PDB file of N, CA and C in Angstrom:
ATOM      1  N   MET A   1      -0.913  22.545  26.525  1.00  0.00           N
ATOM      2  CA  MET A   1      -0.627  23.109  25.224  1.00  0.00           C
ATOM      3  C   MET A   1      -0.350  24.600  25.397  1.00  0.00           C
ATOM      4  N   ASN A   2       0.758  25.041  24.803  1.00  0.00           N
ATOM      5  CA  ASN A   2       1.122  26.454  24.857  1.00  0.00           C
ATOM      6  C   ASN A   2       0.261  27.245  23.893  1.00  0.00           C
ATOM      7  N   GLN A   3       0.085  28.525  24.225  1.00  0.00           N
ATOM      8  CA  GLN A   3      -0.652  29.401  23.325  1.00  0.00           C
ATOM      9  C   GLN A   3       0.105  29.474  22.007  1.00  0.00           C
ATOM     10  N   GLY A   4      -0.592  29.346  20.903  1.00  0.00           N
ATOM     11  CA  GLY A   4       0.045  29.373  19.594  1.00  0.00           C
ATOM     12  C   GLY A   4       0.345  27.980  19.062  1.00  0.00           C
ATOM     13  N   ASP A   5       0.340  26.978  19.942  1.00  0.00           N
ATOM     14  CA  ASP A   5       0.522  25.611  19.469  1.00  0.00           C
ATOM     15  C   ASP A   5      -0.736  25.158  18.744  1.00  0.00           C
ATOM     16  N   LYS A   6      -0.539  24.410  17.684  1.00  0.00           N
ATOM     17  CA  LYS A   6      -1.684  23.861  16.977  1.00  0.00           C
ATOM     18  C   LYS A   6      -2.183  22.640  17.737  1.00  0.00           C
ATOM     19  N   PRO A   7      -3.494  22.460  17.807  1.00  0.00           N
ATOM     20  CA  PRO A   7      -3.994  21.253  18.465  1.00  0.00           C
ATOM     21  C   PRO A   7      -3.591  20.018  17.672  1.00  0.00           C
ATOM     22  N   VAL A   8      -3.260  18.949  18.372  1.00  0.00           N
ATOM     23  CA  VAL A   8      -2.883  17.700  17.726  1.00  0.00           C
ATOM     24  C   VAL A   8      -4.155  16.991  17.296  1.00  0.00           C
ATOM     25  N   ARG A   9      -4.235  16.702  16.013  1.00  0.00           N
ATOM     26  CA  ARG A   9      -5.405  16.019  15.481  1.00  0.00           C
ATOM     27  C   ARG A   9      -5.127  14.527  15.454  1.00  0.00           C
ATOM     28  N   ARG A  10      -5.978  13.763  16.100  1.00  0.00           N
ATOM     29  CA  ARG A  10      -5.808  12.318  16.165  1.00  0.00           C
ATOM     30  C   ARG A  10      -6.620  11.674  15.052  1.00  0.00           C
ATOM     31  N   LEU A  11      -5.994  10.774  14.346  1.00  0.00           N
ATOM     32  CA  LEU A  11      -6.662  10.068  13.264  1.00  0.00           C
ATOM     33  C   LEU A  11      -7.006   8.672  13.745  1.00  0.00           C
ATOM     34  N   ASP A  12      -8.277   8.358  13.727  1.00  0.00           N
ATOM     35  CA  ASP A  12      -8.745   7.036  14.120  1.00  0.00           C
ATOM     36  C   ASP A  12      -8.749   6.145  12.882  1.00  0.00           C
ATOM     37  N   VAL A  13      -8.051   5.013  12.937  1.00  0.00           N
ATOM     38  CA  VAL A  13      -7.968   4.105  11.801  1.00  0.00           C
ATOM     39  C   VAL A  13      -8.402   2.720  12.248  1.00  0.00           C
ATOM     40  N   GLU A  14      -9.278   2.115  11.461  1.00  0.00           N
ATOM     41  CA  GLU A  14      -9.720   0.744  11.734  1.00  0.00           C
ATOM     42  C   GLU A  14      -9.066  -0.180  10.717  1.00  0.00           C
ATOM     43  N   ILE A  15      -8.563  -1.318  11.178  1.00  0.00           N
ATOM     44  CA  ILE A  15      -8.024  -2.321  10.265  1.00  0.00           C
ATOM     45  C   ILE A  15      -8.639  -3.664  10.612  1.00  0.00           C
ATOM     46  N   LYS A  16      -9.251  -4.275   9.627  1.00  0.00           N
ATOM     47  CA  LYS A  16      -9.908  -5.567   9.817  1.00  0.00           C
ATOM     48  C   LYS A  16      -8.856  -6.665   9.924  1.00  0.00           C
ATOM     49  N   PRO A  17      -9.171  -7.781  10.574  1.00  0.00           N
ATOM     50  CA  PRO A  17      -8.186  -8.856  10.775  1.00  0.00           C
ATOM     51  C   PRO A  17      -7.532  -9.353   9.490  1.00  0.00           C
ATOM     52  N   ASP A  18      -8.295  -9.507   8.408  1.00  0.00           N
ATOM     53  CA  ASP A  18      -7.691  -9.984   7.158  1.00  0.00           C
ATOM     54  C   ASP A  18      -6.637  -9.018   6.636  1.00  0.00           C
ATOM     55  N   GLU A  19      -6.916  -7.712   6.699  1.00  0.00           N
ATOM     56  CA  GLU A  19      -5.955  -6.717   6.239  1.00  0.00           C
ATOM     57  C   GLU A  19      -4.773  -6.604   7.200  1.00  0.00           C
ATOM     58  N   ALA A  20      -5.015  -6.846   8.475  1.00  0.00           N
ATOM     59  CA  ALA A  20      -3.953  -6.738   9.477  1.00  0.00           C
ATOM     60  C   ALA A  20      -2.853  -7.775   9.245  1.00  0.00           C
ATOM     61  N   GLU A  21      -3.185  -8.899   8.616  1.00  0.00           N
ATOM     62  CA  GLU A  21      -2.185  -9.922   8.322  1.00  0.00           C
ATOM     63  C   GLU A  21      -1.193  -9.436   7.277  1.00  0.00           C
ATOM     64  N   GLY A  22      -1.620  -8.557   6.407  1.00  0.00           N
ATOM     65  CA  GLY A  22      -0.746  -8.022   5.372  1.00  0.00           C
ATOM     66  C   GLY A  22      -0.595  -8.975   4.197  1.00  0.00           C
ATOM     67  N   ILE A  23      -0.014  -8.456   3.122  1.00  0.00           N
ATOM     68  CA  ILE A  23       0.259  -9.230   1.915  1.00  0.00           C
ATOM     69  C   ILE A  23       1.708  -8.981   1.550  1.00  0.00           C
ATOM     70  N   TYR A  24       2.463 -10.049   1.358  1.00  0.00           N
ATOM     71  CA  TYR A  24       3.870  -9.925   0.981  1.00  0.00           C
ATOM     72  C   TYR A  24       3.971  -9.530  -0.489  1.00  0.00           C
ATOM     73  N   SER A  25       4.823  -8.565  -0.777  1.00  0.00           N
ATOM     74  CA  SER A  25       5.068  -8.126  -2.144  1.00  0.00           C
ATOM     75  C   SER A  25       6.566  -7.973  -2.348  1.00  0.00           C
ATOM     76  N   ASN A  26       7.072  -8.529  -3.460  1.00  0.00           N
ATOM     77  CA  ASN A  26       8.483  -8.335  -3.797  1.00  0.00           C
ATOM     78  C   ASN A  26       8.644  -7.705  -5.176  1.00  0.00           C
ATOM     79  N   LEU A  27       7.542  -7.156  -5.688  1.00  0.00           N
ATOM     80  CA  LEU A  27       7.562  -6.499  -6.985  1.00  0.00           C
ATOM     81  C   LEU A  27       6.501  -5.404  -6.993  1.00  0.00           C
ATOM     82  N   VAL A  28       6.873  -4.212  -7.408  1.00  0.00           N
ATOM     83  CA  VAL A  28       5.930  -3.099  -7.495  1.00  0.00           C
ATOM     84  C   VAL A  28       5.974  -2.554  -8.916  1.00  0.00           C
ATOM     85  N   LEU A  29       4.805  -2.399  -9.493  1.00  0.00           N
ATOM     86  CA  LEU A  29       4.678  -1.844 -10.837  1.00  0.00           C
ATOM     87  C   LEU A  29       3.950  -0.506 -10.721  1.00  0.00           C
ATOM     88  N   VAL A  30       4.476   0.517 -11.376  1.00  0.00           N
ATOM     89  CA  VAL A  30       3.880   1.851 -11.269  1.00  0.00           C
ATOM     90  C   VAL A  30       3.571   2.378 -12.668  1.00  0.00           C
ATOM     91  N   ALA A  31       2.361   2.881 -12.823  1.00  0.00           N
ATOM     92  CA  ALA A  31       1.946   3.556 -14.062  1.00  0.00           C
ATOM     93  C   ALA A  31       1.296   4.869 -13.650  1.00  0.00           C
ATOM     94  N   HIS A  32       1.208   5.806 -14.580  1.00  0.00           N
ATOM     95  CA  HIS A  32       0.577   7.080 -14.231  1.00  0.00           C
ATOM     96  C   HIS A  32      -0.020   7.749 -15.450  1.00  0.00           C
ATOM     97  N   SER A  33      -0.979   8.603 -15.176  1.00  0.00           N
ATOM     98  CA  SER A  33      -1.544   9.501 -16.174  1.00  0.00           C
ATOM     99  C   SER A  33      -1.385  10.902 -15.591  1.00  0.00           C
ATOM    100  N   SER A  34      -1.981  11.884 -16.231  1.00  0.00           N
ATOM    101  CA  SER A  34      -1.872  13.248 -15.700  1.00  0.00           C
ATOM    102  C   SER A  34      -2.651  13.412 -14.400  1.00  0.00           C
ATOM    103  N   SER A  35      -3.593  12.519 -14.122  1.00  0.00           N
ATOM    104  CA  SER A  35      -4.450  12.703 -12.951  1.00  0.00           C
ATOM    105  C   SER A  35      -4.311  11.648 -11.865  1.00  0.00           C
ATOM    106  N   GLU A  36      -3.542  10.572 -12.116  1.00  0.00           N
ATOM    107  CA  GLU A  36      -3.443   9.532 -11.102  1.00  0.00           C
ATOM    108  C   GLU A  36      -2.196   8.673 -11.273  1.00  0.00           C
ATOM    109  N   PHE A  37      -1.799   8.054 -10.167  1.00  0.00           N
ATOM    110  CA  PHE A  37      -0.756   7.041 -10.163  1.00  0.00           C
ATOM    111  C   PHE A  37      -1.432   5.716  -9.837  1.00  0.00           C
ATOM    112  N   ILE A  38      -1.043   4.668 -10.547  1.00  0.00           N
ATOM    113  CA  ILE A  38      -1.543   3.326 -10.276  1.00  0.00           C
ATOM    114  C   ILE A  38      -0.350   2.513  -9.799  1.00  0.00           C
ATOM    115  N   ILE A  39      -0.468   1.980  -8.588  1.00  0.00           N
ATOM    116  CA  ILE A  39       0.623   1.226  -7.973  1.00  0.00           C
ATOM    117  C   ILE A  39       0.132  -0.191  -7.732  1.00  0.00           C
ATOM    118  N   ASP A  40       0.725  -1.160  -8.447  1.00  0.00           N
ATOM    119  CA  ASP A  40       0.371  -2.569  -8.299  1.00  0.00           C
ATOM    120  C   ASP A  40       1.434  -3.260  -7.457  1.00  0.00           C
ATOM    121  N   PHE A  41       0.985  -3.909  -6.384  1.00  0.00           N
ATOM    122  CA  PHE A  41       1.873  -4.690  -5.529  1.00  0.00           C
ATOM    123  C   PHE A  41       1.710  -6.149  -5.927  1.00  0.00           C
ATOM    124  N   ALA A  42       2.806  -6.758  -6.365  1.00  0.00           N
ATOM    125  CA  ALA A  42       2.768  -8.116  -6.895  1.00  0.00           C
ATOM    126  C   ALA A  42       3.793  -8.988  -6.178  1.00  0.00           C
ATOM    127  N   ARG A  43       3.695 -10.278  -6.471  1.00  0.00           N
ATOM    128  CA  ARG A  43       4.641 -11.236  -5.908  1.00  0.00           C
ATOM    129  C   ARG A  43       5.098 -12.147  -7.037  1.00  0.00           C
ATOM    130  N   MET A  44       6.412 -12.300  -7.159  1.00  0.00           N
ATOM    131  CA  MET A  44       7.010 -13.205  -8.126  1.00  0.00           C
ATOM    132  C   MET A  44       7.686 -14.314  -7.330  1.00  0.00           C
ATOM    133  N   LEU A  45       7.384 -15.552  -7.681  1.00  0.00           N
ATOM    134  CA  LEU A  45       7.961 -16.686  -6.969  1.00  0.00           C
ATOM    135  C   LEU A  45       8.789 -17.540  -7.919  1.00  0.00           C
ATOM    136  N   PRO A  46       9.872 -18.141  -7.410  1.00  0.00           N
ATOM    137  CA  PRO A  46      10.700 -18.988  -8.268  1.00  0.00           C
ATOM    138  C   PRO A  46       9.877 -20.144  -8.831  1.00  0.00           C
ATOM    139  N   GLY A  47      10.120 -20.451 -10.089  1.00  0.00           N
ATOM    140  CA  GLY A  47       9.444 -21.571 -10.724  1.00  0.00           C
ATOM    141  C   GLY A  47       8.087 -21.242 -11.322  1.00  0.00           C
ATOM    142  N   LEU A  48       7.559 -20.075 -11.048  1.00  0.00           N
ATOM    143  CA  LEU A  48       6.282 -19.693 -11.638  1.00  0.00           C
ATOM    144  C   LEU A  48       6.537 -18.793 -12.841  1.00  0.00           C
ATOM    145  N   PRO A  49       5.740 -18.948 -13.900  1.00  0.00           N
ATOM    146  CA  PRO A  49       6.020 -18.211 -15.143  1.00  0.00           C
ATOM    147  C   PRO A  49       5.722 -16.721 -15.099  1.00  0.00           C
ATOM    148  N   LYS A  50       4.872 -16.284 -14.163  1.00  0.00           N
ATOM    149  CA  LYS A  50       4.565 -14.856 -14.128  1.00  0.00           C
ATOM    150  C   LYS A  50       4.251 -14.410 -12.707  1.00  0.00           C
ATOM    151  N   ALA A  51       4.374 -13.109 -12.506  1.00  0.00           N
ATOM    152  CA  ALA A  51       4.056 -12.517 -11.204  1.00  0.00           C
ATOM    153  C   ALA A  51       2.546 -12.343 -11.105  1.00  0.00           C
ATOM    154  N   ARG A  52       2.057 -12.273  -9.861  1.00  0.00           N
ATOM    155  CA  ARG A  52       0.622 -12.060  -9.627  1.00  0.00           C
ATOM    156  C   ARG A  52       0.435 -10.785  -8.811  1.00  0.00           C
ATOM    157  N   VAL A  53      -0.454  -9.905  -9.285  1.00  0.00           N
ATOM    158  CA  VAL A  53      -0.782  -8.680  -8.557  1.00  0.00           C
ATOM    159  C   VAL A  53      -1.767  -9.037  -7.442  1.00  0.00           C
ATOM    160  N   PHE A  54      -1.451  -8.607  -6.215  1.00  0.00           N
ATOM    161  CA  PHE A  54      -2.295  -8.872  -5.063  1.00  0.00           C
ATOM    162  C   PHE A  54      -3.050  -7.630  -4.602  1.00  0.00           C
ATOM    163  N   SER A  55      -2.559  -6.458  -4.972  1.00  0.00           N
ATOM    164  CA  SER A  55      -3.237  -5.234  -4.551  1.00  0.00           C
ATOM    165  C   SER A  55      -2.918  -4.119  -5.531  1.00  0.00           C
ATOM    166  N   ARG A  56      -3.928  -3.354  -5.893  1.00  0.00           N
ATOM    167  CA  ARG A  56      -3.747  -2.182  -6.754  1.00  0.00           C
ATOM    168  C   ARG A  56      -4.229  -0.969  -5.979  1.00  0.00           C
ATOM    169  N   ILE A  57      -3.356   0.038  -5.895  1.00  0.00           N
ATOM    170  CA  ILE A  57      -3.681   1.286  -5.218  1.00  0.00           C
ATOM    171  C   ILE A  57      -3.663   2.398  -6.269  1.00  0.00           C
ATOM    172  N   ILE A  58      -4.729   3.180  -6.311  1.00  0.00           N
ATOM    173  CA  ILE A  58      -4.808   4.303  -7.240  1.00  0.00           C
ATOM    174  C   ILE A  58      -4.825   5.577  -6.406  1.00  0.00           C
ATOM    175  N   MET A  59      -3.886   6.488  -6.691  1.00  0.00           N
ATOM    176  CA  MET A  59      -3.723   7.698  -5.891  1.00  0.00           C
ATOM    177  C   MET A  59      -3.593   8.919  -6.787  1.00  0.00           C
ATOM    178  N   SER A  60      -4.002  10.063  -6.262  1.00  0.00           N
ATOM    179  CA  SER A  60      -3.776  11.322  -6.963  1.00  0.00           C
ATOM    180  C   SER A  60      -2.279  11.636  -6.929  1.00  0.00           C
ATOM    181  N   PRO A  61      -1.798  12.474  -7.852  1.00  0.00           N
ATOM    182  CA  PRO A  61      -0.388  12.864  -7.805  1.00  0.00           C
ATOM    183  C   PRO A  61      -0.007  13.502  -6.459  1.00  0.00           C
ATOM    184  N   GLN A  62      -0.896  14.289  -5.871  1.00  0.00           N
ATOM    185  CA  GLN A  62      -0.603  14.942  -4.596  1.00  0.00           C
ATOM    186  C   GLN A  62      -0.439  13.904  -3.479  1.00  0.00           C
ATOM    187  N   HIS A  63      -1.320  12.914  -3.432  1.00  0.00           N
ATOM    188  CA  HIS A  63      -1.201  11.890  -2.401  1.00  0.00           C
ATOM    189  C   HIS A  63       0.008  10.990  -2.650  1.00  0.00           C
ATOM    190  N   THR A  64       0.356  10.782  -3.916  1.00  0.00           N
ATOM    191  CA  THR A  64       1.556  10.006  -4.224  1.00  0.00           C
ATOM    192  C   THR A  64       2.807  10.738  -3.736  1.00  0.00           C
ATOM    193  N   GLU A  65       2.839  12.051  -3.912  1.00  0.00           N
ATOM    194  CA  GLU A  65       3.967  12.852  -3.404  1.00  0.00           C
ATOM    195  C   GLU A  65       4.032  12.784  -1.881  1.00  0.00           C
ATOM    196  N   LEU A  66       2.890  12.862  -1.216  1.00  0.00           N
ATOM    197  CA  LEU A  66       2.885  12.738   0.249  1.00  0.00           C
ATOM    198  C   LEU A  66       3.358  11.351   0.685  1.00  0.00           C
ATOM    199  N   LEU A  67       2.997  10.305  -0.065  1.00  0.00           N
ATOM    200  CA  LEU A  67       3.484   8.957   0.232  1.00  0.00           C
ATOM    201  C   LEU A  67       5.000   8.903   0.085  1.00  0.00           C
ATOM    202  N   ARG A  68       5.530   9.507  -0.993  1.00  0.00           N
ATOM    203  CA  ARG A  68       6.986   9.528  -1.199  1.00  0.00           C
ATOM    204  C   ARG A  68       7.689  10.181  -0.013  1.00  0.00           C
ATOM    205  N   ARG A  69       7.173  11.322   0.428  1.00  0.00           N
ATOM    206  CA  ARG A  69       7.787  12.024   1.561  1.00  0.00           C
ATOM    207  C   ARG A  69       7.728  11.181   2.835  1.00  0.00           C
ATOM    208  N   THR A  70       6.590  10.531   3.052  1.00  0.00           N
ATOM    209  CA  THR A  70       6.432   9.689   4.242  1.00  0.00           C
ATOM    210  C   THR A  70       7.393   8.511   4.199  1.00  0.00           C
ATOM    211  N   LEU A  71       7.542   7.887   3.029  1.00  0.00           N
ATOM    212  CA  LEU A  71       8.488   6.776   2.899  1.00  0.00           C
ATOM    213  C   LEU A  71       9.921   7.248   3.144  1.00  0.00           C
ATOM    214  N   GLU A  72      10.298   8.396   2.574  1.00  0.00           N
ATOM    215  CA  GLU A  72      11.645   8.927   2.797  1.00  0.00           C
ATOM    216  C   GLU A  72      11.901   9.169   4.280  1.00  0.00           C
ATOM    217  N   GLU A  73      10.949   9.769   4.961  1.00  0.00           N
ATOM    218  CA  GLU A  73      11.082  10.050   6.392  1.00  0.00           C
ATOM    219  C   GLU A  73      11.240   8.752   7.190  1.00  0.00           C
ATOM    220  N   ASN A  74      10.449   7.757   6.862  1.00  0.00           N
ATOM    221  CA  ASN A  74      10.515   6.497   7.592  1.00  0.00           C
ATOM    222  C   ASN A  74      11.760   5.689   7.260  1.00  0.00           C
ATOM    223  N   ILE A  75      12.250   5.783   6.031  1.00  0.00           N
ATOM    224  CA  ILE A  75      13.515   5.127   5.687  1.00  0.00           C
ATOM    225  C   ILE A  75      14.650   5.755   6.478  1.00  0.00           C
ATOM    226  N   LYS A  76      14.662   7.081   6.610  1.00  0.00           N
ATOM    227  CA  LYS A  76      15.691   7.751   7.418  1.00  0.00           C
ATOM    228  C   LYS A  76      15.642   7.272   8.863  1.00  0.00           C
ATOM    229  N   LYS A  77      14.436   7.173   9.432  1.00  0.00           N
ATOM    230  CA  LYS A  77      14.292   6.682  10.806  1.00  0.00           C
ATOM    231  C   LYS A  77      14.780   5.241  10.928  1.00  0.00           C
ATOM    232  N   TYR A  78      14.428   4.407   9.955  1.00  0.00           N
ATOM    233  CA  TYR A  78      14.853   3.009   9.951  1.00  0.00           C
ATOM    234  C   TYR A  78      16.377   2.920   9.912  1.00  0.00           C
ATOM    235  N   GLU A  79      16.999   3.669   8.976  1.00  0.00           N
ATOM    236  CA  GLU A  79      18.452   3.611   8.827  1.00  0.00           C
ATOM    237  C   GLU A  79      19.174   4.170  10.040  1.00  0.00           C
ATOM    238  N   THR A  80      18.609   5.144  10.715  1.00  0.00           N
ATOM    239  CA  THR A  80      19.196   5.657  11.946  1.00  0.00           C
ATOM    240  C   THR A  80      19.224   4.563  13.009  1.00  0.00           C
ATOM    241  N   ARG A  81      18.177   3.774  13.065  1.00  0.00           N
ATOM    242  CA  ARG A  81      18.074   2.732  14.082  1.00  0.00           C
ATOM    243  C   ARG A  81      18.797   1.440  13.708  1.00  0.00           C
ATOM    244  N   TYR A  82      18.692   1.020  12.429  1.00  0.00           N
ATOM    245  CA  TYR A  82      19.184  -0.301  12.032  1.00  0.00           C
ATOM    246  C   TYR A  82      20.369  -0.280  11.065  1.00  0.00           C
ATOM    247  N   GLY A  83      20.716   0.858  10.520  1.00  0.00           N
ATOM    248  CA  GLY A  83      21.803   0.934   9.551  1.00  0.00           C
ATOM    249  C   GLY A  83      21.280   1.090   8.132  1.00  0.00           C
ATOM    250  N   LYS A  84      22.180   1.459   7.245  1.00  0.00           N
ATOM    251  CA  LYS A  84      21.826   1.751   5.859  1.00  0.00           C
ATOM    252  C   LYS A  84      21.252   0.527   5.164  1.00  0.00           C
ATOM    253  N   ILE A  85      20.222   0.740   4.378  1.00  0.00           N
ATOM    254  CA  ILE A  85      19.618  -0.320   3.571  1.00  0.00           C
ATOM    255  C   ILE A  85      20.467  -0.463   2.309  1.00  0.00           C
ATOM    256  N   GLU A  86      20.983  -1.653   2.091  1.00  0.00           N
ATOM    257  CA  GLU A  86      21.827  -1.915   0.925  1.00  0.00           C
ATOM    258  C   GLU A  86      20.971  -2.456  -0.221  1.00  0.00           C
ATOM    259  N   VAL A  87      21.097  -1.849  -1.393  1.00  0.00           N
ATOM    260  CA  VAL A  87      20.453  -2.353  -2.609  1.00  0.00           C
ATOM    261  C   VAL A  87      21.586  -2.784  -3.522  1.00  0.00           C
ATOM    262  N   LYS A  88      21.605  -4.055  -3.907  1.00  0.00           N
ATOM    263  CA  LYS A  88      22.751  -4.613  -4.622  1.00  0.00           C
ATOM    264  C   LYS A  88      22.619  -4.577  -6.132  1.00  0.00           C
ATOM    265  N   ASP A  89      21.585  -3.942  -6.668  1.00  0.00           N
ATOM    266  CA  ASP A  89      21.428  -3.832  -8.118  1.00  0.00           C
ATOM    267  C   ASP A  89      22.455  -2.859  -8.670  1.00  0.00           C
ATOM    268  N   LYS A  90      22.948  -3.169  -9.848  1.00  0.00           N
ATOM    269  CA  LYS A  90      23.854  -2.252 -10.541  1.00  0.00           C
ATOM    270  C   LYS A  90      23.042  -1.493 -11.577  1.00  0.00           C
ATOM    271  N   PRO A  91      23.373  -0.229 -11.825  1.00  0.00           N
ATOM    272  CA  PRO A  91      22.614   0.551 -12.815  1.00  0.00           C
ATOM    273  C   PRO A  91      22.566  -0.166 -14.161  1.00  0.00           C
ATOM    274  N   GLY A  92      21.377  -0.211 -14.757  1.00  0.00           N
ATOM    275  CA  GLY A  92      21.215  -0.822 -16.067  1.00  0.00           C
ATOM    276  C   GLY A  92      20.956  -2.322 -16.040  1.00  0.00           C
ATOM    277  N   GLU A  93      21.167  -2.978 -14.905  1.00  0.00           N
ATOM    278  CA  GLU A  93      20.914  -4.414 -14.810  1.00  0.00           C
ATOM    279  C   GLU A  93      19.472  -4.662 -14.420  1.00  0.00           C
ATOM    280  N   GLN A  94      18.984  -5.841 -14.831  1.00  0.00           N
ATOM    281  CA  GLN A  94      17.623  -6.220 -14.444  1.00  0.00           C
ATOM    282  C   GLN A  94      17.599  -6.503 -12.952  1.00  0.00           C
ATOM    283  N   LYS A  95      16.568  -6.025 -12.281  1.00  0.00           N
ATOM    284  CA  LYS A  95      16.432  -6.255 -10.851  1.00  0.00           C
ATOM    285  C   LYS A  95      15.954  -7.673 -10.630  1.00  0.00           C
ATOM    286  N   GLU A  96      16.563  -8.372  -9.685  1.00  0.00           N
ATOM    287  CA  GLU A  96      16.260  -9.782  -9.496  1.00  0.00           C
ATOM    288  C   GLU A  96      15.795 -10.112  -8.099  1.00  0.00           C
ATOM    289  N   MET A  97      15.133  -9.421  -7.358  1.00  0.00           N
ATOM    290  CA  MET A  97      14.509  -9.685  -6.067  1.00  0.00           C
ATOM    291  C   MET A  97      14.998 -10.936  -5.339  1.00  0.00           C
ATOM    292  N   GLY A  98      16.282 -11.253  -5.368  1.00  0.00           N
ATOM    293  CA  GLY A  98      16.797 -12.365  -4.597  1.00  0.00           C
ATOM    294  C   GLY A  98      16.849 -13.681  -5.369  1.00  0.00           C
ATOM    295  N   PHE A  99      16.290 -13.747  -6.544  1.00  0.00           N
ATOM    296  CA  PHE A  99      16.345 -14.936  -7.375  1.00  0.00           C
ATOM    297  C   PHE A  99      16.156 -14.519  -8.828  1.00  0.00           C
ATOM    298  N   ALA A 100      16.593 -15.371  -9.727  1.00  0.00           N
ATOM    299  CA  ALA A 100      16.495 -15.037 -11.148  1.00  0.00           C
ATOM    300  C   ALA A 100      15.058 -15.187 -11.629  1.00  0.00           C
ATOM    301  N   PRO A 101      14.558 -14.213 -12.416  1.00  0.00           N
ATOM    302  CA  PRO A 101      13.213 -14.359 -12.961  1.00  0.00           C
ATOM    303  C   PRO A 101      13.185 -15.516 -13.958  1.00  0.00           C
ATOM    304  N   PRO A 102      12.013 -16.130 -14.159  1.00  0.00           N
ATOM    305  CA  PRO A 102      11.935 -17.252 -15.085  1.00  0.00           C
ATOM    306  C   PRO A 102      12.357 -16.833 -16.493  1.00  0.00           C
ATOM    307  N   GLU A 103      13.036 -17.728 -17.184  1.00  0.00           N
ATOM    308  CA  GLU A 103      13.456 -17.442 -18.539  1.00  0.00           C
ATOM    309  C   GLU A 103      12.350 -17.867 -19.490  1.00  0.00           C
ATOM    310  N   HIS A 104      12.177 -17.098 -20.557  1.00  0.00           N
ATOM    311  CA  HIS A 104      11.159 -17.421 -21.561  1.00  0.00           C
ATOM    312  C   HIS A 104      11.756 -18.401 -22.557  1.00  0.00           C
ATOM    313  N   ALA A 105      10.993 -19.409 -22.894  1.00  0.00           N
ATOM    314  CA  ALA A 105      11.468 -20.454 -23.826  1.00  0.00           C
ATOM    315  C   ALA A 105      11.445 -19.951 -25.251  1.00  0.00           C
TER     316      ALA A 105
END
């Protein structure tokens, strides 16, 4: 390490086997107040009448901003390696995650 370099801080993270498997989500719902963001990760499946939330994350606005920056940085890295991510939604249209949402009777 050169003089003036900051020491690299290593973060030790433990992940239990159940969490390591991950949870698939194709729908994200976001709400906020002045003091927090609530991010619900849900899954909508064809033929089912409603989506189910599998995980809720509550974050401060500052941590939500850091998450946004981290996602932007990682999307840039992904696109550099694999190509641009195409989103086929048109402005103003309902987003359809690869299949049509159930219609209400």
